[in-house]
């Protein structure tokens, strides 16, 4: 199993902490965010990881060069990171999508057990990892479900349409990798491609008749995302227990 980690962004909402380093290199519990991600993927049996860089790429490259785990790790620079959203990072990494793989945001934190659960989950061509809570805010990547099948995904879904949220981790089979790669290439040829999130491609696949997109619930497994100063304070307070 391969992993592609989207870490091109700066993390502007975390300024001034990200003034001189990308968000993925912020440190807690003695290791960077990226270091924790690589460690958990490695422990879960992932064989290879590609980190898509953008802001201050040399710093991320140095971090990867210092990686001493079993898993092979490389970097791939996205020169469009300042003007494009993460669909462009997926387009840059499309050559890594020839077989089954995990795709994850560079600010999603998780433990080994969660990754193992996702890897061993259902065999939908594309599977979106989800969690549930009592209510969702405008920043959550909300999803609409039909059983385990994904019907829609986006931040603008209404409360009555929302059944869960995406945590920023997806699994693709070899078939799903091909479907996703084709959709990314199609969307990048459109006027809005450069400003689109990659989950817009997942939403399009979910709504197409020829492809089924499923979900994998990780309810009960600890995880968090790092977007805001409040997220950072929560991570510092709970991160050691979450990653145990």
C-alpha atoms as a PDB file:
ATOM      1  CA  UNK A   1       0.000   0.000   0.000  1.00  0.00           C
ATOM      2  CA  UNK A   2       1.187   3.493  -0.930  1.00  0.00           C
ATOM      3  CA  UNK A   3       0.275   6.843   0.654  1.00  0.00           C
ATOM      4  CA  UNK A   4       0.158  10.324  -0.897  1.00  0.00           C
ATOM      5  CA  UNK A   5       0.282  13.170   1.621  1.00  0.00           C
ATOM      6  CA  UNK A   6      -0.874  16.624   0.488  1.00  0.00           C
ATOM      7  CA  UNK A   7       1.414  19.043   2.361  1.00  0.00           C
ATOM      8  CA  UNK A   8       1.892  21.899  -0.103  1.00  0.00           C
ATOM      9  CA  UNK A   9       0.046  24.555   1.865  1.00  0.00           C
ATOM     10  CA  UNK A  10       1.433  27.063   4.305  1.00  0.00           C
ATOM     11  CA  UNK A  11      -1.364  26.987   6.873  1.00  0.00           C
ATOM     12  CA  UNK A  12      -2.085  30.727   6.886  1.00  0.00           C
ATOM     13  CA  UNK A  13      -4.717  30.464   9.619  1.00  0.00           C
ATOM     14  CA  UNK A  14      -1.937  29.392  11.969  1.00  0.00           C
ATOM     15  CA  UNK A  15       0.177  32.512  11.452  1.00  0.00           C
ATOM     16  CA  UNK A  16       2.527  33.609  12.964  1.00  0.00           C
ATOM     17  CA  UNK A  17       3.506  29.975  13.739  1.00  0.00           C
ATOM     18  CA  UNK A  18       3.715  29.280  10.006  1.00  0.00           C
ATOM     19  CA  UNK A  19       5.636  32.436   9.147  1.00  0.00           C
ATOM     20  CA  UNK A  20       8.899  30.558   8.725  1.00  0.00           C
ATOM     21  CA  UNK A  21       7.840  26.920   8.378  1.00  0.00           C
ATOM     22  CA  UNK A  22       4.976  25.016   6.747  1.00  0.00           C
ATOM     23  CA  UNK A  23       2.163  23.689   8.889  1.00  0.00           C
ATOM     24  CA  UNK A  24       3.259  20.089   8.422  1.00  0.00           C
ATOM     25  CA  UNK A  25       6.510  20.848  10.277  1.00  0.00           C
ATOM     26  CA  UNK A  26       4.957  22.282  13.429  1.00  0.00           C
ATOM     27  CA  UNK A  27       6.140  20.129  16.328  1.00  0.00           C
ATOM     28  CA  UNK A  28       4.338  18.540  19.240  1.00  0.00           C
ATOM     29  CA  UNK A  29       5.269  15.597  21.452  1.00  0.00           C
ATOM     30  CA  UNK A  30       8.837  15.828  20.139  1.00  0.00           C
ATOM     31  CA  UNK A  31       8.036  15.330  16.462  1.00  0.00           C
ATOM     32  CA  UNK A  32       6.577  17.257  13.508  1.00  0.00           C
ATOM     33  CA  UNK A  33       3.033  16.772  12.248  1.00  0.00           C
ATOM     34  CA  UNK A  34       4.505  15.088   9.163  1.00  0.00           C
ATOM     35  CA  UNK A  35       6.759  12.931  11.327  1.00  0.00           C
ATOM     36  CA  UNK A  36       3.753  11.662  13.292  1.00  0.00           C
ATOM     37  CA  UNK A  37       1.879  10.898  10.056  1.00  0.00           C
ATOM     38  CA  UNK A  38       4.811   8.977   8.589  1.00  0.00           C
ATOM     39  CA  UNK A  39       5.296   7.021  11.807  1.00  0.00           C
ATOM     40  CA  UNK A  40       1.671   5.888  11.995  1.00  0.00           C
ATOM     41  CA  UNK A  41       1.559   4.963   8.298  1.00  0.00           C
ATOM     42  CA  UNK A  42       4.799   3.022   8.692  1.00  0.00           C
ATOM     43  CA  UNK A  43       3.539   1.121  11.735  1.00  0.00           C
ATOM     44  CA  UNK A  44       0.313   0.282   9.899  1.00  0.00           C
ATOM     45  CA  UNK A  45       2.276  -1.436   7.123  1.00  0.00           C
ATOM     46  CA  UNK A  46       2.260   1.216   4.388  1.00  0.00           C
ATOM     47  CA  UNK A  47       5.285   0.554   2.161  1.00  0.00           C
ATOM     48  CA  UNK A  48       5.787   3.871   0.377  1.00  0.00           C
ATOM     49  CA  UNK A  49       4.775   7.500   0.895  1.00  0.00           C
ATOM     50  CA  UNK A  50       4.990  10.535  -1.379  1.00  0.00           C
ATOM     51  CA  UNK A  51       4.786  13.948   0.271  1.00  0.00           C
ATOM     52  CA  UNK A  52       3.554  16.721  -2.050  1.00  0.00           C
ATOM     53  CA  UNK A  53       5.364  19.920  -1.048  1.00  0.00           C
ATOM     54  CA  UNK A  54       4.852  23.607  -1.864  1.00  0.00           C
ATOM     55  CA  UNK A  55       5.552  26.260   0.760  1.00  0.00           C
ATOM     56  CA  UNK A  56       9.228  26.159   1.813  1.00  0.00           C
ATOM     57  CA  UNK A  57       9.794  22.788   0.126  1.00  0.00           C
ATOM     58  CA  UNK A  58      13.423  22.529   1.129  1.00  0.00           C
ATOM     59  CA  UNK A  59      12.427  22.330   4.794  1.00  0.00           C
ATOM     60  CA  UNK A  60      10.072  19.427   4.115  1.00  0.00           C
ATOM     61  CA  UNK A  61      12.692  17.747   1.943  1.00  0.00           C
ATOM     62  CA  UNK A  62      15.194  17.973   4.807  1.00  0.00           C
ATOM     63  CA  UNK A  63      12.626  16.466   7.164  1.00  0.00           C
ATOM     64  CA  UNK A  64      12.068  13.558   4.779  1.00  0.00           C
ATOM     65  CA  UNK A  65      15.805  13.049   4.311  1.00  0.00           C
ATOM     66  CA  UNK A  66      16.058  12.563   8.059  1.00  0.00           C
ATOM     67  CA  UNK A  67      13.315   9.906   8.099  1.00  0.00           C
ATOM     68  CA  UNK A  68      14.730   6.641   9.429  1.00  0.00           C
ATOM     69  CA  UNK A  69      11.706   4.346   9.346  1.00  0.00           C
ATOM     70  CA  UNK A  70      11.086   1.201   7.308  1.00  0.00           C
ATOM     71  CA  UNK A  71       8.759   2.901   4.819  1.00  0.00           C
ATOM     72  CA  UNK A  72      10.270   4.526   1.707  1.00  0.00           C
ATOM     73  CA  UNK A  73       9.444   8.262   1.606  1.00  0.00           C
ATOM     74  CA  UNK A  74       9.950  10.761  -1.221  1.00  0.00           C
ATOM     75  CA  UNK A  75       8.807  14.305  -2.021  1.00  0.00           C
ATOM     76  CA  UNK A  76       7.141  15.878  -5.052  1.00  0.00           C
ATOM     77  CA  UNK A  77       7.102  19.659  -5.500  1.00  0.00           C
ATOM     78  CA  UNK A  78       3.912  21.437  -6.575  1.00  0.00           C
ATOM     79  CA  UNK A  79       5.038  24.741  -8.174  1.00  0.00           C
ATOM     80  CA  UNK A  80       1.429  25.968  -8.336  1.00  0.00           C
ATOM     81  CA  UNK A  81       0.776  25.878  -4.591  1.00  0.00           C
ATOM     82  CA  UNK A  82       0.435  29.667  -4.257  1.00  0.00           C
ATOM     83  CA  UNK A  83      -2.246  30.000  -6.923  1.00  0.00           C
ATOM     84  CA  UNK A  84      -3.991  26.611  -6.869  1.00  0.00           C
ATOM     85  CA  UNK A  85      -5.883  24.465  -4.389  1.00  0.00           C
ATOM     86  CA  UNK A  86      -5.171  20.802  -3.635  1.00  0.00           C
ATOM     87  CA  UNK A  87      -6.710  19.387  -6.822  1.00  0.00           C
ATOM     88  CA  UNK A  88      -3.517  20.668  -8.469  1.00  0.00           C
ATOM     89  CA  UNK A  89      -1.423  18.750  -5.929  1.00  0.00           C
ATOM     90  CA  UNK A  90      -3.307  15.590  -6.898  1.00  0.00           C
ATOM     91  CA  UNK A  91      -2.693  16.391 -10.568  1.00  0.00           C
ATOM     92  CA  UNK A  92       1.031  16.724  -9.830  1.00  0.00           C
ATOM     93  CA  UNK A  93       0.962  13.338  -8.045  1.00  0.00           C
ATOM     94  CA  UNK A  94      -1.147  11.526 -10.656  1.00  0.00           C
ATOM     95  CA  UNK A  95       1.858   9.451 -11.708  1.00  0.00           C
ATOM     96  CA  UNK A  96       1.855   7.905  -8.224  1.00  0.00           C
ATOM     97  CA  UNK A  97      -1.744   6.709  -8.670  1.00  0.00           C
ATOM     98  CA  UNK A  98      -1.165   3.572 -10.717  1.00  0.00           C
ATOM     99  CA  UNK A  99      -2.188   1.136  -7.956  1.00  0.00           C
ATOM    100  CA  UNK A 100      -4.065   1.128  -4.665  1.00  0.00           C
ATOM    101  CA  UNK A 101      -3.168   3.999  -2.343  1.00  0.00           C
ATOM    102  CA  UNK A 102      -4.180   6.174   0.583  1.00  0.00           C
ATOM    103  CA  UNK A 103      -4.644   9.917   0.049  1.00  0.00           C
ATOM    104  CA  UNK A 104      -4.492  12.182   3.071  1.00  0.00           C
ATOM    105  CA  UNK A 105      -4.350  15.825   3.978  1.00  0.00           C
ATOM    106  CA  UNK A 106      -1.127  17.008   5.538  1.00  0.00           C
ATOM    107  CA  UNK A 107      -2.976  18.281   8.606  1.00  0.00           C
ATOM    108  CA  UNK A 108      -4.920  15.137   9.581  1.00  0.00           C
ATOM    109  CA  UNK A 109      -3.540  13.334  12.645  1.00  0.00           C
ATOM    110  CA  UNK A 110      -4.404   9.730  13.550  1.00  0.00           C
ATOM    111  CA  UNK A 111      -3.001   6.639  15.219  1.00  0.00           C
ATOM    112  CA  UNK A 112      -1.873   3.270  13.870  1.00  0.00           C
ATOM    113  CA  UNK A 113      -5.137   1.495  14.647  1.00  0.00           C
ATOM    114  CA  UNK A 114      -7.156   3.983  12.597  1.00  0.00           C
ATOM    115  CA  UNK A 115      -4.946   3.488   9.517  1.00  0.00           C
ATOM    116  CA  UNK A 116      -5.117  -0.290   9.867  1.00  0.00           C
ATOM    117  CA  UNK A 117      -8.911  -0.091  10.103  1.00  0.00           C
ATOM    118  CA  UNK A 118      -9.096   1.979   6.903  1.00  0.00           C
ATOM    119  CA  UNK A 119      -6.748  -0.334   4.998  1.00  0.00           C
ATOM    120  CA  UNK A 120      -8.783  -3.395   5.989  1.00  0.00           C
ATOM    121  CA  UNK A 121     -12.150  -1.765   5.263  1.00  0.00           C
ATOM    122  CA  UNK A 122     -14.622  -2.292   2.419  1.00  0.00           C
ATOM    123  CA  UNK A 123     -13.577  -2.787  -1.188  1.00  0.00           C
ATOM    124  CA  UNK A 124     -15.326   0.160  -2.826  1.00  0.00           C
ATOM    125  CA  UNK A 125     -13.155   1.588  -5.632  1.00  0.00           C
ATOM    126  CA  UNK A 126     -13.006   4.822  -3.629  1.00  0.00           C
ATOM    127  CA  UNK A 127     -13.612   4.953   0.125  1.00  0.00           C
ATOM    128  CA  UNK A 128     -13.924   8.175   2.147  1.00  0.00           C
ATOM    129  CA  UNK A 129     -13.075   7.880   5.842  1.00  0.00           C
ATOM    130  CA  UNK A 130     -15.827   9.467   7.954  1.00  0.00           C
ATOM    131  CA  UNK A 131     -16.724  10.237  11.547  1.00  0.00           C
ATOM    132  CA  UNK A 132     -19.952  11.372  13.180  1.00  0.00           C
ATOM    133  CA  UNK A 133     -20.778  13.958  15.818  1.00  0.00           C
ATOM    134  CA  UNK A 134     -23.861  15.702  17.169  1.00  0.00           C
ATOM    135  CA  UNK A 135     -23.563  18.826  15.010  1.00  0.00           C
ATOM    136  CA  UNK A 136     -21.393  20.189  12.211  1.00  0.00           C
ATOM    137  CA  UNK A 137     -20.038  23.670  11.503  1.00  0.00           C
ATOM    138  CA  UNK A 138     -19.353  25.523   8.260  1.00  0.00           C
ATOM    139  CA  UNK A 139     -15.708  24.431   8.197  1.00  0.00           C
ATOM    140  CA  UNK A 140     -16.480  20.696   8.360  1.00  0.00           C
ATOM    141  CA  UNK A 141     -16.240  18.665   5.143  1.00  0.00           C
ATOM    142  CA  UNK A 142     -19.734  17.238   5.394  1.00  0.00           C
ATOM    143  CA  UNK A 143     -21.090  14.132   3.654  1.00  0.00           C
ATOM    144  CA  UNK A 144     -24.465  12.756   2.609  1.00  0.00           C
ATOM    145  CA  UNK A 145     -24.826   8.975   2.758  1.00  0.00           C
ATOM    146  CA  UNK A 146     -26.985   6.194   1.396  1.00  0.00           C
ATOM    147  CA  UNK A 147     -26.015   3.424   3.801  1.00  0.00           C
ATOM    148  CA  UNK A 148     -22.247   3.135   3.320  1.00  0.00           C
ATOM    149  CA  UNK A 149     -22.356   4.727  -0.123  1.00  0.00           C
ATOM    150  CA  UNK A 150     -21.373   8.370  -0.534  1.00  0.00           C
ATOM    151  CA  UNK A 151     -23.971  10.552  -2.250  1.00  0.00           C
ATOM    152  CA  UNK A 152     -22.362  13.990  -1.799  1.00  0.00           C
ATOM    153  CA  UNK A 153     -19.442  15.691  -0.074  1.00  0.00           C
ATOM    154  CA  UNK A 154     -18.788  19.385   0.541  1.00  0.00           C
ATOM    155  CA  UNK A 155     -18.651  22.145   3.130  1.00  0.00           C
ATOM    156  CA  UNK A 156     -21.884  23.719   1.894  1.00  0.00           C
ATOM    157  CA  UNK A 157     -24.194  20.765   2.527  1.00  0.00           C
ATOM    158  CA  UNK A 158     -27.222  21.770   4.591  1.00  0.00           C
ATOM    159  CA  UNK A 159     -27.791  20.351   8.066  1.00  0.00           C
ATOM    160  CA  UNK A 160     -30.644  18.148   6.853  1.00  0.00           C
ATOM    161  CA  UNK A 161     -28.349  16.678   4.174  1.00  0.00           C
ATOM    162  CA  UNK A 162     -25.459  15.964   6.537  1.00  0.00           C
ATOM    163  CA  UNK A 163     -24.908  12.483   7.936  1.00  0.00           C
ATOM    164  CA  UNK A 164     -21.187  12.625   8.863  1.00  0.00           C
ATOM    165  CA  UNK A 165     -17.905  14.408   8.053  1.00  0.00           C
ATOM    166  CA  UNK A 166     -14.813  13.436   6.091  1.00  0.00           C
ATOM    167  CA  UNK A 167     -11.619  13.350   8.174  1.00  0.00           C
ATOM    168  CA  UNK A 168      -9.302  13.935   5.196  1.00  0.00           C
ATOM    169  CA  UNK A 169      -8.189  10.341   4.563  1.00  0.00           C
ATOM    170  CA  UNK A 170      -9.297   8.268   1.552  1.00  0.00           C
ATOM    171  CA  UNK A 171      -8.504   4.805   0.226  1.00  0.00           C
ATOM    172  CA  UNK A 172      -8.399   3.876  -3.483  1.00  0.00           C
ATOM    173  CA  UNK A 173      -8.245   0.433  -5.036  1.00  0.00           C
ATOM    174  CA  UNK A 174      -6.413   0.080  -8.345  1.00  0.00           C
ATOM    175  CA  UNK A 175      -9.754   0.608 -10.122  1.00  0.00           C
ATOM    176  CA  UNK A 176     -10.529   3.623  -7.966  1.00  0.00           C
ATOM    177  CA  UNK A 177      -7.081   5.078  -8.594  1.00  0.00           C
ATOM    178  CA  UNK A 178      -7.745   5.034 -12.329  1.00  0.00           C
ATOM    179  CA  UNK A 179     -11.179   6.607 -11.942  1.00  0.00           C
ATOM    180  CA  UNK A 180      -9.834   9.356  -9.695  1.00  0.00           C
ATOM    181  CA  UNK A 181      -6.816  10.083 -11.894  1.00  0.00           C
ATOM    182  CA  UNK A 182      -9.055  10.445 -14.949  1.00  0.00           C
ATOM    183  CA  UNK A 183     -11.451  12.762 -13.118  1.00  0.00           C
ATOM    184  CA  UNK A 184      -8.597  14.931 -11.801  1.00  0.00           C
ATOM    185  CA  UNK A 185      -7.170  15.280 -15.315  1.00  0.00           C
ATOM    186  CA  UNK A 186     -10.608  16.222 -16.682  1.00  0.00           C
ATOM    187  CA  UNK A 187     -11.200  18.833 -13.994  1.00  0.00           C
ATOM    188  CA  UNK A 188      -7.769  20.423 -14.338  1.00  0.00           C
ATOM    189  CA  UNK A 189      -8.628  21.143 -17.981  1.00  0.00           C
ATOM    190  CA  UNK A 190     -11.607  23.276 -16.928  1.00  0.00           C
ATOM    191  CA  UNK A 191     -11.630  26.976 -16.076  1.00  0.00           C
ATOM    192  CA  UNK A 192     -12.200  26.275 -12.373  1.00  0.00           C
ATOM    193  CA  UNK A 193      -9.770  23.376 -12.046  1.00  0.00           C
ATOM    194  CA  UNK A 194      -6.929  25.374 -10.554  1.00  0.00           C
ATOM    195  CA  UNK A 195      -9.117  26.639  -7.689  1.00  0.00           C
ATOM    196  CA  UNK A 196     -10.843  23.332  -6.876  1.00  0.00           C
ATOM    197  CA  UNK A 197     -10.401  21.006  -3.921  1.00  0.00           C
ATOM    198  CA  UNK A 198      -9.745  17.376  -4.778  1.00  0.00           C
ATOM    199  CA  UNK A 199     -12.915  16.406  -2.908  1.00  0.00           C
ATOM    200  CA  UNK A 200     -14.862  18.111  -5.687  1.00  0.00           C
ATOM    201  CA  UNK A 201     -13.580  15.271  -7.887  1.00  0.00           C
ATOM    202  CA  UNK A 202     -14.768  12.751  -5.285  1.00  0.00           C
ATOM    203  CA  UNK A 203     -18.192  14.416  -5.230  1.00  0.00           C
ATOM    204  CA  UNK A 204     -18.366  14.147  -9.036  1.00  0.00           C
ATOM    205  CA  UNK A 205     -17.420  10.457  -8.900  1.00  0.00           C
ATOM    206  CA  UNK A 206     -20.029   9.805  -6.215  1.00  0.00           C
ATOM    207  CA  UNK A 207     -22.724  11.311  -8.425  1.00  0.00           C
ATOM    208  CA  UNK A 208     -21.679   9.519 -11.620  1.00  0.00           C
ATOM    209  CA  UNK A 209     -23.555   6.351 -12.648  1.00  0.00           C
ATOM    210  CA  UNK A 210     -20.411   4.381 -13.509  1.00  0.00           C
ATOM    211  CA  UNK A 211     -18.581   4.674 -10.182  1.00  0.00           C
ATOM    212  CA  UNK A 212     -19.475   3.862  -6.600  1.00  0.00           C
ATOM    213  CA  UNK A 213     -17.814   5.777  -3.815  1.00  0.00           C
ATOM    214  CA  UNK A 214     -18.135   4.209  -0.394  1.00  0.00           C
ATOM    215  CA  UNK A 215     -17.276   5.276   3.121  1.00  0.00           C
ATOM    216  CA  UNK A 216     -15.396   3.834   6.077  1.00  0.00           C
ATOM    217  CA  UNK A 217     -16.547   4.910   9.529  1.00  0.00           C
ATOM    218  CA  UNK A 218     -13.828   5.338  12.150  1.00  0.00           C
ATOM    219  CA  UNK A 219     -16.176   6.225  15.022  1.00  0.00           C
ATOM    220  CA  UNK A 220     -14.403   5.598  18.306  1.00  0.00           C
ATOM    221  CA  UNK A 221     -10.913   6.077  16.867  1.00  0.00           C
ATOM    222  CA  UNK A 222      -9.123   9.291  17.927  1.00  0.00           C
ATOM    223  CA  UNK A 223      -8.094  11.775  15.242  1.00  0.00           C
ATOM    224  CA  UNK A 224      -7.859  15.510  14.709  1.00  0.00           C
ATOM    225  CA  UNK A 225      -7.116  18.090  12.037  1.00  0.00           C
ATOM    226  CA  UNK A 226      -4.909  21.141  12.377  1.00  0.00           C
ATOM    227  CA  UNK A 227      -6.427  24.274  10.855  1.00  0.00           C
ATOM    228  CA  UNK A 228      -6.695  26.914  13.567  1.00  0.00           C
ATOM    229  CA  UNK A 229      -4.933  28.079  16.752  1.00  0.00           C
ATOM    230  CA  UNK A 230      -7.727  26.353  18.694  1.00  0.00           C
ATOM    231  CA  UNK A 231      -6.915  23.076  16.916  1.00  0.00           C
ATOM    232  CA  UNK A 232      -3.242  23.578  17.817  1.00  0.00           C
ATOM    233  CA  UNK A 233      -3.980  24.052  21.511  1.00  0.00           C
ATOM    234  CA  UNK A 234      -6.225  20.974  21.505  1.00  0.00           C
ATOM    235  CA  UNK A 235      -3.537  18.954  19.746  1.00  0.00           C
ATOM    236  CA  UNK A 236      -0.864  19.955  22.256  1.00  0.00           C
ATOM    237  CA  UNK A 237      -3.172  18.990  25.119  1.00  0.00           C
ATOM    238  CA  UNK A 238      -4.394  15.643  23.743  1.00  0.00           C
ATOM    239  CA  UNK A 239      -1.899  14.617  21.081  1.00  0.00           C
ATOM    240  CA  UNK A 240       0.190  12.231  23.185  1.00  0.00           C
ATOM    241  CA  UNK A 241      -2.888  10.205  24.173  1.00  0.00           C
ATOM    242  CA  UNK A 242      -4.322  10.239  20.652  1.00  0.00           C
ATOM    243  CA  UNK A 243      -1.117   8.928  19.062  1.00  0.00           C
ATOM    244  CA  UNK A 244      -0.396   6.266  21.679  1.00  0.00           C
END
